[in-house]
PDB file of N, CA and C in Angstrom:
ATOM      1  N   MET A   1       8.127   4.214 -15.561  1.00  0.00           N
ATOM      2  CA  MET A   1       8.325   4.853 -14.280  1.00  0.00           C
ATOM      3  C   MET A   1       9.762   4.639 -13.787  1.00  0.00           C
ATOM      4  N   PHE A   2      10.290   3.431 -13.977  1.00  0.00           N
ATOM      5  CA  PHE A   2      11.657   3.143 -13.566  1.00  0.00           C
ATOM      6  C   PHE A   2      12.544   3.055 -14.803  1.00  0.00           C
ATOM      7  N   GLU A   3      13.846   3.127 -14.591  1.00  0.00           N
ATOM      8  CA  GLU A   3      14.775   3.024 -15.722  1.00  0.00           C
ATOM      9  C   GLU A   3      14.836   1.582 -16.223  1.00  0.00           C
ATOM     10  N   SER A   4      15.149   1.438 -17.497  1.00  0.00           N
ATOM     11  CA  SER A   4      15.253   0.091 -18.068  1.00  0.00           C
ATOM     12  C   SER A   4      16.629  -0.491 -17.766  1.00  0.00           C
ATOM     13  N   LYS A   5      16.813  -1.745 -18.131  1.00  0.00           N
ATOM     14  CA  LYS A   5      18.086  -2.401 -17.823  1.00  0.00           C
ATOM     15  C   LYS A   5      19.234  -1.830 -18.639  1.00  0.00           C
ATOM     16  N   ARG A   6      18.946  -1.104 -19.704  1.00  0.00           N
ATOM     17  CA  ARG A   6      19.995  -0.493 -20.507  1.00  0.00           C
ATOM     18  C   ARG A   6      20.497   0.821 -19.910  1.00  0.00           C
ATOM     19  N   HIS A   7      19.788   1.358 -18.946  1.00  0.00           N
ATOM     20  CA  HIS A   7      20.188   2.607 -18.304  1.00  0.00           C
ATOM     21  C   HIS A   7      21.021   2.333 -17.052  1.00  0.00           C
ATOM     22  N   LYS A   8      21.714   3.358 -16.614  1.00  0.00           N
ATOM     23  CA  LYS A   8      22.501   3.229 -15.389  1.00  0.00           C
ATOM     24  C   LYS A   8      21.569   3.139 -14.185  1.00  0.00           C
ATOM     25  N   LEU A   9      22.115   2.633 -13.105  1.00  0.00           N
ATOM     26  CA  LEU A   9      21.374   2.534 -11.850  1.00  0.00           C
ATOM     27  C   LEU A   9      21.037   3.935 -11.362  1.00  0.00           C
ATOM     28  N   ALA A  10      19.836   4.117 -10.859  1.00  0.00           N
ATOM     29  CA  ALA A  10      19.402   5.427 -10.373  1.00  0.00           C
ATOM     30  C   ALA A  10      20.269   5.864  -9.199  1.00  0.00           C
ATOM     31  N   SER A  11      20.489   7.157  -9.114  1.00  0.00           N
ATOM     32  CA  SER A  11      21.285   7.699  -8.013  1.00  0.00           C
ATOM     33  C   SER A  11      20.538   7.497  -6.698  1.00  0.00           C
ATOM     34  N   PRO A  12      21.258   7.547  -5.577  1.00  0.00           N
ATOM     35  CA  PRO A  12      20.575   7.403  -4.283  1.00  0.00           C
ATOM     36  C   PRO A  12      19.494   8.467  -4.064  1.00  0.00           C
ATOM     37  N   ALA A  13      19.732   9.678  -4.538  1.00  0.00           N
ATOM     38  CA  ALA A  13      18.724  10.734  -4.377  1.00  0.00           C
ATOM     39  C   ALA A  13      17.466  10.413  -5.185  1.00  0.00           C
ATOM     40  N   LYS A  14      17.651   9.926  -6.408  1.00  0.00           N
ATOM     41  CA  LYS A  14      16.501   9.570  -7.234  1.00  0.00           C
ATOM     42  C   LYS A  14      15.775   8.367  -6.639  1.00  0.00           C
ATOM     43  N   PHE A  15      16.521   7.432  -6.081  1.00  0.00           N
ATOM     44  CA  PHE A  15      15.904   6.268  -5.447  1.00  0.00           C
ATOM     45  C   PHE A  15      15.064   6.693  -4.239  1.00  0.00           C
ATOM     46  N   ARG A  16      15.606   7.601  -3.415  1.00  0.00           N
ATOM     47  CA  ARG A  16      14.831   8.105  -2.271  1.00  0.00           C
ATOM     48  C   ARG A  16      13.569   8.825  -2.738  1.00  0.00           C
ATOM     49  N   SER A  17      13.693   9.594  -3.802  1.00  0.00           N
ATOM     50  CA  SER A  17      12.532  10.282  -4.361  1.00  0.00           C
ATOM     51  C   SER A  17      11.484   9.285  -4.837  1.00  0.00           C
ATOM     52  N   ARG A  18      11.941   8.220  -5.467  1.00  0.00           N
ATOM     53  CA  ARG A  18      11.044   7.171  -5.945  1.00  0.00           C
ATOM     54  C   ARG A  18      10.346   6.488  -4.766  1.00  0.00           C
ATOM     55  N   LEU A  19      11.090   6.244  -3.688  1.00  0.00           N
ATOM     56  CA  LEU A  19      10.494   5.639  -2.487  1.00  0.00           C
ATOM     57  C   LEU A  19       9.414   6.530  -1.906  1.00  0.00           C
ATOM     58  N   LEU A  20       9.697   7.825  -1.796  1.00  0.00           N
ATOM     59  CA  LEU A  20       8.715   8.766  -1.258  1.00  0.00           C
ATOM     60  C   LEU A  20       7.464   8.805  -2.125  1.00  0.00           C
ATOM     61  N   LYS A  21       7.645   8.769  -3.436  1.00  0.00           N
ATOM     62  CA  LYS A  21       6.493   8.774  -4.336  1.00  0.00           C
ATOM     63  C   LYS A  21       5.644   7.527  -4.135  1.00  0.00           C
ATOM     64  N   CYS A  22       6.279   6.372  -4.026  1.00  0.00           N
ATOM     65  CA  CYS A  22       5.535   5.127  -3.828  1.00  0.00           C
ATOM     66  C   CYS A  22       4.833   5.096  -2.472  1.00  0.00           C
ATOM     67  N   PHE A  23       5.500   5.592  -1.438  1.00  0.00           N
ATOM     68  CA  PHE A  23       4.851   5.657  -0.125  1.00  0.00           C
ATOM     69  C   PHE A  23       3.685   6.645  -0.145  1.00  0.00           C
ATOM     70  N   GLY A  24       3.827   7.727  -0.891  1.00  0.00           N
ATOM     71  CA  GLY A  24       2.725   8.684  -1.029  1.00  0.00           C
ATOM     72  C   GLY A  24       1.521   8.066  -1.716  1.00  0.00           C
ATOM     73  N   ILE A  25       1.772   7.321  -2.790  1.00  0.00           N
ATOM     74  CA  ILE A  25       0.684   6.633  -3.487  1.00  0.00           C
ATOM     75  C   ILE A  25       0.010   5.633  -2.551  1.00  0.00           C
ATOM     76  N   ALA A  26       0.810   4.900  -1.786  1.00  0.00           N
ATOM     77  CA  ALA A  26       0.260   3.929  -0.833  1.00  0.00           C
ATOM     78  C   ALA A  26      -0.590   4.625   0.229  1.00  0.00           C
ATOM     79  N   LEU A  27      -0.147   5.772   0.694  1.00  0.00           N
ATOM     80  CA  LEU A  27      -0.897   6.515   1.703  1.00  0.00           C
ATOM     81  C   LEU A  27      -2.246   6.982   1.161  1.00  0.00           C
ATOM     82  N   VAL A  28      -2.271   7.417  -0.088  1.00  0.00           N
ATOM     83  CA  VAL A  28      -3.536   7.834  -0.705  1.00  0.00           C
ATOM     84  C   VAL A  28      -4.488   6.646  -0.814  1.00  0.00           C
ATOM     85  N   ILE A  29      -3.973   5.504  -1.227  1.00  0.00           N
ATOM     86  CA  ILE A  29      -4.809   4.300  -1.355  1.00  0.00           C
ATOM     87  C   ILE A  29      -5.343   3.873   0.006  1.00  0.00           C
ATOM     88  N   ILE A  30      -4.507   3.911   1.028  1.00  0.00           N
ATOM     89  CA  ILE A  30      -4.960   3.554   2.377  1.00  0.00           C
ATOM     90  C   ILE A  30      -6.059   4.503   2.843  1.00  0.00           C
ATOM     91  N   THR A  31      -5.873   5.787   2.589  1.00  0.00           N
ATOM     92  CA  THR A  31      -6.866   6.784   3.001  1.00  0.00           C
ATOM     93  C   THR A  31      -8.211   6.532   2.317  1.00  0.00           C
ATOM     94  N   ILE A  32      -8.178   6.256   1.022  1.00  0.00           N
ATOM     95  CA  ILE A  32      -9.419   5.991   0.292  1.00  0.00           C
ATOM     96  C   ILE A  32     -10.079   4.709   0.802  1.00  0.00           C
ATOM     97  N   ALA A  33      -9.300   3.647   0.973  1.00  0.00           N
ATOM     98  CA  ALA A  33      -9.855   2.375   1.440  1.00  0.00           C
ATOM     99  C   ALA A  33     -10.433   2.500   2.847  1.00  0.00           C
ATOM    100  N   LEU A  34      -9.737   3.220   3.708  1.00  0.00           N
ATOM    101  CA  LEU A  34     -10.230   3.407   5.070  1.00  0.00           C
ATOM    102  C   LEU A  34     -11.502   4.250   5.076  1.00  0.00           C
ATOM    103  N   SER A  35     -11.563   5.258   4.219  1.00  0.00           N
ATOM    104  CA  SER A  35     -12.763   6.095   4.130  1.00  0.00           C
ATOM    105  C   SER A  35     -13.973   5.294   3.686  1.00  0.00           C
ATOM    106  N   ILE A  36     -13.770   4.393   2.737  1.00  0.00           N
ATOM    107  CA  ILE A  36     -14.875   3.531   2.296  1.00  0.00           C
ATOM    108  C   ILE A  36     -15.392   2.701   3.465  1.00  0.00           C
ATOM    109  N   GLY A  37     -14.488   2.121   4.241  1.00  0.00           N
ATOM    110  CA  GLY A  37     -14.893   1.314   5.389  1.00  0.00           C
ATOM    111  C   GLY A  37     -15.593   2.117   6.466  1.00  0.00           C
ATOM    112  N   VAL A  38     -15.065   3.289   6.774  1.00  0.00           N
ATOM    113  CA  VAL A  38     -15.669   4.135   7.813  1.00  0.00           C
ATOM    114  C   VAL A  38     -17.078   4.546   7.398  1.00  0.00           C
ATOM    115  N   LEU A  39     -17.235   4.986   6.159  1.00  0.00           N
ATOM    116  CA  LEU A  39     -18.569   5.385   5.694  1.00  0.00           C
ATOM    117  C   LEU A  39     -19.528   4.202   5.675  1.00  0.00           C
ATOM    118  N   GLY A  40     -19.048   3.039   5.250  1.00  0.00           N
ATOM    119  CA  GLY A  40     -19.909   1.860   5.223  1.00  0.00           C
ATOM    120  C   GLY A  40     -20.398   1.455   6.598  1.00  0.00           C
ATOM    121  N   TYR A  41     -19.492   1.410   7.545  1.00  0.00           N
ATOM    122  CA  TYR A  41     -19.898   1.064   8.912  1.00  0.00           C
ATOM    123  C   TYR A  41     -20.789   2.138   9.523  1.00  0.00           C
ATOM    124  N   HIS A  42     -20.497   3.374   9.232  1.00  0.00           N
ATOM    125  CA  HIS A  42     -21.301   4.467   9.811  1.00  0.00           C
ATOM    126  C   HIS A  42     -22.724   4.449   9.250  1.00  0.00           C
ATOM    127  N   ILE A  43     -22.837   4.238   7.961  1.00  0.00           N
ATOM    128  CA  ILE A  43     -24.159   4.292   7.323  1.00  0.00           C
ATOM    129  C   ILE A  43     -24.923   2.978   7.506  1.00  0.00           C
ATOM    130  N   LEU A  44     -24.287   1.857   7.217  1.00  0.00           N
ATOM    131  CA  LEU A  44     -25.005   0.582   7.227  1.00  0.00           C
ATOM    132  C   LEU A  44     -25.156  -0.022   8.616  1.00  0.00           C
ATOM    133  N   ALA A  45     -24.135   0.106   9.443  1.00  0.00           N
ATOM    134  CA  ALA A  45     -24.200  -0.503  10.780  1.00  0.00           C
ATOM    135  C   ALA A  45     -24.655   0.496  11.830  1.00  0.00           C
ATOM    136  N   ASP A  46     -24.878   1.727  11.418  1.00  0.00           N
ATOM    137  CA  ASP A  46     -25.341   2.785  12.318  1.00  0.00           C
ATOM    138  C   ASP A  46     -24.422   2.931  13.531  1.00  0.00           C
ATOM    139  N   GLN A  47     -23.118   2.874  13.271  1.00  0.00           N
ATOM    140  CA  GLN A  47     -22.132   3.046  14.327  1.00  0.00           C
ATOM    141  C   GLN A  47     -21.660   4.496  14.338  1.00  0.00           C
ATOM    142  N   GLY A  48     -21.146   4.921  15.483  1.00  0.00           N
ATOM    143  CA  GLY A  48     -20.555   6.254  15.579  1.00  0.00           C
ATOM    144  C   GLY A  48     -19.283   6.319  14.745  1.00  0.00           C
ATOM    145  N   TRP A  49     -18.777   7.538  14.564  1.00  0.00           N
ATOM    146  CA  TRP A  49     -17.594   7.710  13.715  1.00  0.00           C
ATOM    147  C   TRP A  49     -16.361   6.990  14.269  1.00  0.00           C
ATOM    148  N   VAL A  50     -16.191   7.039  15.577  1.00  0.00           N
ATOM    149  CA  VAL A  50     -15.007   6.395  16.166  1.00  0.00           C
ATOM    150  C   VAL A  50     -15.115   4.872  16.064  1.00  0.00           C
ATOM    151  N   ASP A  51     -16.283   4.327  16.339  1.00  0.00           N
ATOM    152  CA  ASP A  51     -16.473   2.877  16.205  1.00  0.00           C
ATOM    153  C   ASP A  51     -16.335   2.436  14.755  1.00  0.00           C
ATOM    154  N   SER A  52     -16.834   3.254  13.835  1.00  0.00           N
ATOM    155  CA  SER A  52     -16.692   2.947  12.409  1.00  0.00           C
ATOM    156  C   SER A  52     -15.218   2.946  12.014  1.00  0.00           C
ATOM    157  N   LEU A  53     -14.470   3.918  12.497  1.00  0.00           N
ATOM    158  CA  LEU A  53     -13.041   3.984  12.211  1.00  0.00           C
ATOM    159  C   LEU A  53     -12.321   2.770  12.790  1.00  0.00           C
ATOM    160  N   LEU A  54     -12.678   2.391  14.005  1.00  0.00           N
ATOM    161  CA  LEU A  54     -12.050   1.230  14.634  1.00  0.00           C
ATOM    162  C   LEU A  54     -12.306  -0.047  13.839  1.00  0.00           C
ATOM    163  N   ASN A  55     -13.564  -0.298  13.481  1.00  0.00           N
ATOM    164  CA  ASN A  55     -13.892  -1.508  12.730  1.00  0.00           C
ATOM    165  C   ASN A  55     -13.240  -1.517  11.354  1.00  0.00           C
ATOM    166  N   ALA A  56     -13.281  -0.384  10.656  1.00  0.00           N
ATOM    167  CA  ALA A  56     -12.674  -0.321   9.327  1.00  0.00           C
ATOM    168  C   ALA A  56     -11.166  -0.509   9.417  1.00  0.00           C
ATOM    169  N   SER A  57     -10.540   0.092  10.412  1.00  0.00           N
ATOM    170  CA  SER A  57      -9.092  -0.049  10.582  1.00  0.00           C
ATOM    171  C   SER A  57      -8.707  -1.491  10.894  1.00  0.00           C
ATOM    172  N   MET A  58      -9.486  -2.123  11.736  1.00  0.00           N
ATOM    173  CA  MET A  58      -9.176  -3.507  12.105  1.00  0.00           C
ATOM    174  C   MET A  58      -9.320  -4.447  10.908  1.00  0.00           C
ATOM    175  N   ILE A  59     -10.349  -4.257  10.101  1.00  0.00           N
ATOM    176  CA  ILE A  59     -10.506  -5.118   8.927  1.00  0.00           C
ATOM    177  C   ILE A  59      -9.428  -4.811   7.905  1.00  0.00           C
ATOM    178  N   LEU A  60      -9.153  -3.531   7.676  1.00  0.00           N
ATOM    179  CA  LEU A  60      -8.128  -3.166   6.696  1.00  0.00           C
ATOM    180  C   LEU A  60      -6.756  -3.675   7.124  1.00  0.00           C
ATOM    181  N   GLY A  61      -6.524  -3.724   8.426  1.00  0.00           N
ATOM    182  CA  GLY A  61      -5.260  -4.237   8.941  1.00  0.00           C
ATOM    183  C   GLY A  61      -5.205  -5.747   9.050  1.00  0.00           C
ATOM    184  N   GLY A  62      -6.315  -6.427   8.749  1.00  0.00           N
ATOM    185  CA  GLY A  62      -6.334  -7.879   8.759  1.00  0.00           C
ATOM    186  C   GLY A  62      -6.707  -8.504  10.089  1.00  0.00           C
ATOM    187  N   MET A  63      -7.162  -7.707  11.044  1.00  0.00           N
ATOM    188  CA  MET A  63      -7.471  -8.236  12.370  1.00  0.00           C
ATOM    189  C   MET A  63      -8.920  -8.709  12.513  1.00  0.00           C
ATOM    190  N   GLY A  64      -9.833  -8.145  11.764  1.00  0.00           N
ATOM    191  CA  GLY A  64     -11.243  -8.510  11.871  1.00  0.00           C
ATOM    192  C   GLY A  64     -12.018  -7.456  12.626  1.00  0.00           C
ATOM    193  N   PRO A  65     -13.341  -7.506  12.512  1.00  0.00           N
ATOM    194  CA  PRO A  65     -14.172  -6.478  13.155  1.00  0.00           C
ATOM    195  C   PRO A  65     -14.172  -6.609  14.678  1.00  0.00           C
ATOM    196  N   VAL A  66     -14.458  -5.483  15.328  1.00  0.00           N
ATOM    197  CA  VAL A  66     -14.493  -5.447  16.786  1.00  0.00           C
ATOM    198  C   VAL A  66     -15.918  -5.628  17.290  1.00  0.00           C
ATOM    199  N   ALA A  67     -16.842  -4.824  16.770  1.00  0.00           N
ATOM    200  CA  ALA A  67     -18.237  -4.869  17.223  1.00  0.00           C
ATOM    201  C   ALA A  67     -19.003  -5.938  16.449  1.00  0.00           C
ATOM    202  N   GLU A  68     -19.944  -6.570  17.136  1.00  0.00           N
ATOM    203  CA  GLU A  68     -20.786  -7.554  16.477  1.00  0.00           C
ATOM    204  C   GLU A  68     -21.864  -6.838  15.690  1.00  0.00           C
ATOM    205  N   LEU A  69     -22.104  -7.300  14.480  1.00  0.00           N
ATOM    206  CA  LEU A  69     -23.094  -6.664  13.604  1.00  0.00           C
ATOM    207  C   LEU A  69     -24.417  -7.406  13.746  1.00  0.00           C
ATOM    208  N   GLN A  70     -25.512  -6.641  13.816  1.00  0.00           N
ATOM    209  CA  GLN A  70     -26.805  -7.225  14.132  1.00  0.00           C
ATOM    210  C   GLN A  70     -27.644  -7.590  12.915  1.00  0.00           C
ATOM    211  N   THR A  71     -27.565  -6.797  11.850  1.00  0.00           N
ATOM    212  CA  THR A  71     -28.432  -7.048  10.693  1.00  0.00           C
ATOM    213  C   THR A  71     -27.601  -7.571   9.521  1.00  0.00           C
ATOM    214  N   ASP A  72     -28.316  -7.960   8.464  1.00  0.00           N
ATOM    215  CA  ASP A  72     -27.647  -8.570   7.317  1.00  0.00           C
ATOM    216  C   ASP A  72     -26.832  -7.578   6.485  1.00  0.00           C
ATOM    217  N   ALA A  73     -27.346  -6.368   6.293  1.00  0.00           N
ATOM    218  CA  ALA A  73     -26.662  -5.390   5.432  1.00  0.00           C
ATOM    219  C   ALA A  73     -25.235  -5.089   5.911  1.00  0.00           C
ATOM    220  N   PRO A  74     -25.035  -4.788   7.196  1.00  0.00           N
ATOM    221  CA  PRO A  74     -23.663  -4.546   7.629  1.00  0.00           C
ATOM    222  C   PRO A  74     -22.781  -5.797   7.571  1.00  0.00           C
ATOM    223  N   LYS A  75     -23.367  -6.956   7.752  1.00  0.00           N
ATOM    224  CA  LYS A  75     -22.592  -8.194   7.660  1.00  0.00           C
ATOM    225  C   LYS A  75     -22.112  -8.422   6.230  1.00  0.00           C
ATOM    226  N   ILE A  76     -22.979  -8.175   5.259  1.00  0.00           N
ATOM    227  CA  ILE A  76     -22.589  -8.305   3.855  1.00  0.00           C
ATOM    228  C   ILE A  76     -21.526  -7.270   3.514  1.00  0.00           C
ATOM    229  N   PHE A  77     -21.719  -6.032   4.004  1.00  0.00           N
ATOM    230  CA  PHE A  77     -20.714  -4.990   3.764  1.00  0.00           C
ATOM    231  C   PHE A  77     -19.372  -5.411   4.362  1.00  0.00           C
ATOM    232  N   ALA A  78     -19.381  -5.904   5.586  1.00  0.00           N
ATOM    233  CA  ALA A  78     -18.135  -6.303   6.248  1.00  0.00           C
ATOM    234  C   ALA A  78     -17.445  -7.420   5.472  1.00  0.00           C
ATOM    235  N   SER A  79     -18.219  -8.340   4.935  1.00  0.00           N
ATOM    236  CA  SER A  79     -17.652  -9.424   4.143  1.00  0.00           C
ATOM    237  C   SER A  79     -16.990  -8.885   2.880  1.00  0.00           C
ATOM    238  N   LEU A  80     -17.700  -8.028   2.157  1.00  0.00           N
ATOM    239  CA  LEU A  80     -17.150  -7.456   0.928  1.00  0.00           C
ATOM    240  C   LEU A  80     -15.959  -6.540   1.228  1.00  0.00           C
ATOM    241  N   TYR A  81     -16.043  -5.799   2.316  1.00  0.00           N
ATOM    242  CA  TYR A  81     -14.938  -4.904   2.689  1.00  0.00           C
ATOM    243  C   TYR A  81     -13.696  -5.708   3.088  1.00  0.00           C
ATOM    244  N   ALA A  82     -13.892  -6.847   3.710  1.00  0.00           N
ATOM    245  CA  ALA A  82     -12.753  -7.696   4.067  1.00  0.00           C
ATOM    246  C   ALA A  82     -12.071  -8.234   2.805  1.00  0.00           C
ATOM    247  N   LEU A  83     -12.851  -8.651   1.812  1.00  0.00           N
ATOM    248  CA  LEU A  83     -12.265  -9.112   0.550  1.00  0.00           C
ATOM    249  C   LEU A  83     -11.536  -7.967  -0.155  1.00  0.00           C
ATOM    250  N   PHE A  84     -12.173  -6.809  -0.175  1.00  0.00           N
ATOM    251  CA  PHE A  84     -11.566  -5.617  -0.765  1.00  0.00           C
ATOM    252  C   PHE A  84     -10.263  -5.266  -0.046  1.00  0.00           C
ATOM    253  N   SER A  85     -10.268  -5.364   1.268  1.00  0.00           N
ATOM    254  CA  SER A  85      -9.078  -5.036   2.053  1.00  0.00           C
ATOM    255  C   SER A  85      -7.925  -5.982   1.749  1.00  0.00           C
ATOM    256  N   GLY A  86      -8.220  -7.234   1.507  1.00  0.00           N
ATOM    257  CA  GLY A  86      -7.170  -8.179   1.136  1.00  0.00           C
ATOM    258  C   GLY A  86      -6.519  -7.811  -0.183  1.00  0.00           C
ATOM    259  N   ILE A  87      -7.330  -7.401  -1.133  1.00  0.00           N
ATOM    260  CA  ILE A  87      -6.798  -6.980  -2.433  1.00  0.00           C
ATOM    261  C   ILE A  87      -5.989  -5.701  -2.285  1.00  0.00           C
ATOM    262  N   VAL A  88      -6.485  -4.769  -1.464  1.00  0.00           N
ATOM    263  CA  VAL A  88      -5.758  -3.520  -1.224  1.00  0.00           C
ATOM    264  C   VAL A  88      -4.410  -3.822  -0.568  1.00  0.00           C
ATOM    265  N   PHE A  89      -4.376  -4.755   0.364  1.00  0.00           N
ATOM    266  CA  PHE A  89      -3.127  -5.109   1.028  1.00  0.00           C
ATOM    267  C   PHE A  89      -2.101  -5.634   0.026  1.00  0.00           C
ATOM    268  N   ILE A  90      -2.544  -6.506  -0.861  1.00  0.00           N
ATOM    269  CA  ILE A  90      -1.636  -7.059  -1.873  1.00  0.00           C
ATOM    270  C   ILE A  90      -1.126  -5.954  -2.788  1.00  0.00           C
ATOM    271  N   ALA A  91      -2.022  -5.064  -3.204  1.00  0.00           N
ATOM    272  CA  ALA A  91      -1.618  -3.957  -4.079  1.00  0.00           C
ATOM    273  C   ALA A  91      -0.627  -3.034  -3.374  1.00  0.00           C
ATOM    274  N   LEU A  92      -0.875  -2.741  -2.108  1.00  0.00           N
ATOM    275  CA  LEU A  92       0.026  -1.868  -1.352  1.00  0.00           C
ATOM    276  C   LEU A  92       1.413  -2.480  -1.207  1.00  0.00           C
ATOM    277  N   MET A  93       1.477  -3.770  -0.980  1.00  0.00           N
ATOM    278  CA  MET A  93       2.782  -4.420  -0.873  1.00  0.00           C
ATOM    279  C   MET A  93       3.536  -4.327  -2.200  1.00  0.00           C
ATOM    280  N   GLY A  94       2.813  -4.465  -3.301  1.00  0.00           N
ATOM    281  CA  GLY A  94       3.441  -4.323  -4.606  1.00  0.00           C
ATOM    282  C   GLY A  94       3.966  -2.913  -4.839  1.00  0.00           C
ATOM    283  N   ILE A  95       3.185  -1.925  -4.463  1.00  0.00           N
ATOM    284  CA  ILE A  95       3.585  -0.530  -4.653  1.00  0.00           C
ATOM    285  C   ILE A  95       4.776  -0.182  -3.765  1.00  0.00           C
ATOM    286  N   ILE A  96       4.750  -0.614  -2.524  1.00  0.00           N
ATOM    287  CA  ILE A  96       5.819  -0.270  -1.586  1.00  0.00           C
ATOM    288  C   ILE A  96       7.111  -1.029  -1.900  1.00  0.00           C
ATOM    289  N   LEU A  97       6.994  -2.284  -2.292  1.00  0.00           N
ATOM    290  CA  LEU A  97       8.189  -3.099  -2.548  1.00  0.00           C
ATOM    291  C   LEU A  97       8.750  -2.941  -3.959  1.00  0.00           C
ATOM    292  N   ALA A  98       7.999  -2.340  -4.870  1.00  0.00           N
ATOM    293  CA  ALA A  98       8.441  -2.223  -6.265  1.00  0.00           C
ATOM    294  C   ALA A  98       9.792  -1.527  -6.417  1.00  0.00           C
ATOM    295  N   PRO A  99      10.041  -0.389  -5.757  1.00  0.00           N
ATOM    296  CA  PRO A  99      11.354   0.245  -5.942  1.00  0.00           C
ATOM    297  C   PRO A  99      12.508  -0.634  -5.458  1.00  0.00           C
ATOM    298  N   PHE A 100      12.318  -1.336  -4.348  1.00  0.00           N
ATOM    299  CA  PHE A 100      13.367  -2.216  -3.829  1.00  0.00           C
ATOM    300  C   PHE A 100      13.611  -3.386  -4.777  1.00  0.00           C
ATOM    301  N   ALA A 101      12.533  -4.005  -5.239  1.00  0.00           N
ATOM    302  CA  ALA A 101      12.665  -5.149  -6.136  1.00  0.00           C
ATOM    303  C   ALA A 101      13.299  -4.717  -7.461  1.00  0.00           C
ATOM    304  N   HIS A 102      12.880  -3.567  -7.976  1.00  0.00           N
ATOM    305  CA  HIS A 102      13.441  -3.094  -9.234  1.00  0.00           C
ATOM    306  C   HIS A 102      14.926  -2.805  -9.101  1.00  0.00           C
ATOM    307  N   ARG A 103      15.310  -2.170  -8.011  1.00  0.00           N
ATOM    308  CA  ARG A 103      16.725  -1.855  -7.814  1.00  0.00           C
ATOM    309  C   ARG A 103      17.565  -3.129  -7.702  1.00  0.00           C
ATOM    310  N   ALA A 104      17.056  -4.109  -6.971  1.00  0.00           N
ATOM    311  CA  ALA A 104      17.791  -5.370  -6.822  1.00  0.00           C
ATOM    312  C   ALA A 104      17.929  -6.084  -8.170  1.00  0.00           C
ATOM    313  N   LEU A 105      16.830  -6.148  -8.930  1.00  0.00           N
ATOM    314  CA  LEU A 105      16.893  -6.801 -10.235  1.00  0.00           C
ATOM    315  C   LEU A 105      17.754  -6.007 -11.212  1.00  0.00           C
ATOM    316  N   HIS A 106      17.727  -4.693 -11.114  1.00  0.00           N
ATOM    317  CA  HIS A 106      18.549  -3.856 -11.989  1.00  0.00           C
ATOM    318  C   HIS A 106      20.033  -4.107 -11.729  1.00  0.00           C
ATOM    319  N   LEU A 107      20.390  -4.314 -10.481  1.00  0.00           N
ATOM    320  CA  LEU A 107      21.794  -4.601 -10.152  1.00  0.00           C
ATOM    321  C   LEU A 107      22.284  -5.878 -10.835  1.00  0.00           C
ATOM    322  N   PHE A 108      21.414  -6.866 -11.003  1.00  0.00           N
ATOM    323  CA  PHE A 108      21.799  -8.111 -11.661  1.00  0.00           C
ATOM    324  C   PHE A 108      22.119  -7.900 -13.141  1.00  0.00           C
ATOM    325  N   HIS A 109      21.523  -6.874 -13.743  1.00  0.00           N
ATOM    326  CA  HIS A 109      21.715  -6.635 -15.165  1.00  0.00           C
ATOM    327  C   HIS A 109      22.846  -5.673 -15.482  1.00  0.00           C
ATOM    328  N   LEU A 110      23.471  -5.092 -14.477  1.00  0.00           N
ATOM    329  CA  LEU A 110      24.555  -4.155 -14.710  1.00  0.00           C
ATOM    330  C   LEU A 110      25.866  -4.896 -14.926  1.00  0.00           C
ATOM    331  N   ASP A 111      26.687  -4.353 -15.771  1.00  0.00           N
ATOM    332  CA  ASP A 111      28.044  -4.869 -15.920  1.00  0.00           C
ATOM    333  C   ASP A 111      28.884  -4.341 -14.778  1.00  0.00           C
ATOM    334  N   GLU A 112      30.024  -4.964 -14.543  1.00  0.00           N
ATOM    335  CA  GLU A 112      30.896  -4.507 -13.461  1.00  0.00           C
ATOM    336  C   GLU A 112      31.371  -3.076 -13.698  1.00  0.00           C
ATOM    337  N   LYS A 113      31.612  -2.703 -14.943  1.00  0.00           N
ATOM    338  CA  LYS A 113      32.073  -1.340 -15.228  1.00  0.00           C
ATOM    339  C   LYS A 113      30.978  -0.316 -14.908  1.00  0.00           C
ATOM    340  N   ASP A 114      29.696  -0.702 -15.069  1.00  0.00           N
ATOM    341  CA  ASP A 114      28.604   0.207 -14.728  1.00  0.00           C
ATOM    342  C   ASP A 114      28.527   0.435 -13.225  1.00  0.00           C
ATOM    343  N   ILE A 115      28.803  -0.590 -12.448  1.00  0.00           N
ATOM    344  CA  ILE A 115      28.768  -0.461 -10.992  1.00  0.00           C
ATOM    345  C   ILE A 115      29.920   0.423 -10.528  1.00  0.00           C
ATOM    346  N   ASP A 116      31.108   0.260 -11.146  1.00  0.00           N
ATOM    347  CA  ASP A 116      32.269   1.074 -10.764  1.00  0.00           C
ATOM    348  C   ASP A 116      32.084   2.546 -11.110  1.00  0.00           C
ATOM    349  N   GLU A 117      31.249   2.864 -12.110  1.00  0.00           N
ATOM    350  CA  GLU A 117      31.042   4.244 -12.518  1.00  0.00           C
ATOM    351  C   GLU A 117      30.051   4.978 -11.635  1.00  0.00           C
ATOM    352  N   GLN A 118      29.372   4.276 -10.730  1.00  0.00           N
ATOM    353  CA  GLN A 118      28.396   4.922  -9.879  1.00  0.00           C
ATOM    354  C   GLN A 118      29.084   5.905  -8.944  1.00  0.00           C
ATOM    355  N   PRO A 119      28.449   7.063  -8.677  1.00  0.00           N
ATOM    356  CA  PRO A 119      29.062   8.025  -7.772  1.00  0.00           C
ATOM    357  C   PRO A 119      29.153   7.472  -6.359  1.00  0.00           C
ATOM    358  N   LYS A 120      30.251   7.741  -5.690  1.00  0.00           N
ATOM    359  CA  LYS A 120      30.473   7.283  -4.314  1.00  0.00           C
ATOM    360  C   LYS A 120      29.753   8.218  -3.358  1.00  0.00           C
ATOM    361  N   GLN A 121      29.152   7.648  -2.320  1.00  0.00           N
ATOM    362  CA  GLN A 121      28.509   8.468  -1.296  1.00  0.00           C
ATOM    363  C   GLN A 121      29.538   8.988  -0.323  1.00  0.00           C
ATOM    364  N   LYS A 122      29.295  10.177   0.177  1.00  0.00           N
ATOM    365  CA  LYS A 122      30.225  10.783   1.154  1.00  0.00           C
ATOM    366  C   LYS A 122      29.777  10.492   2.555  1.00  0.00           C
TER     367      LYS A 122
END
């Protein structure tokens, strides 16, 4: 997906394109993860759509649920969804930070002549 250390540093336009692609992938993952939470709360906890969205958003964001759950099934779902959300958060940070980390590490592997050959921004 990214250039190897033997290649020149990606142009600023290609880097911006890479950032947009990674943010797009992250947005798709967030949408899927949030949909799982909303459906789970709506079906298992018998909450309305807005309350389900609120609870799923709060757990996915790391804040915790808002409404108290009365039965065991929604409590188990909330527990599993919280664990899932933690993994999703870690994955999203990797996806979003990957272009920045790769560019920084790529700069360490470039020779000085490779840096001087890069096109100047206007």
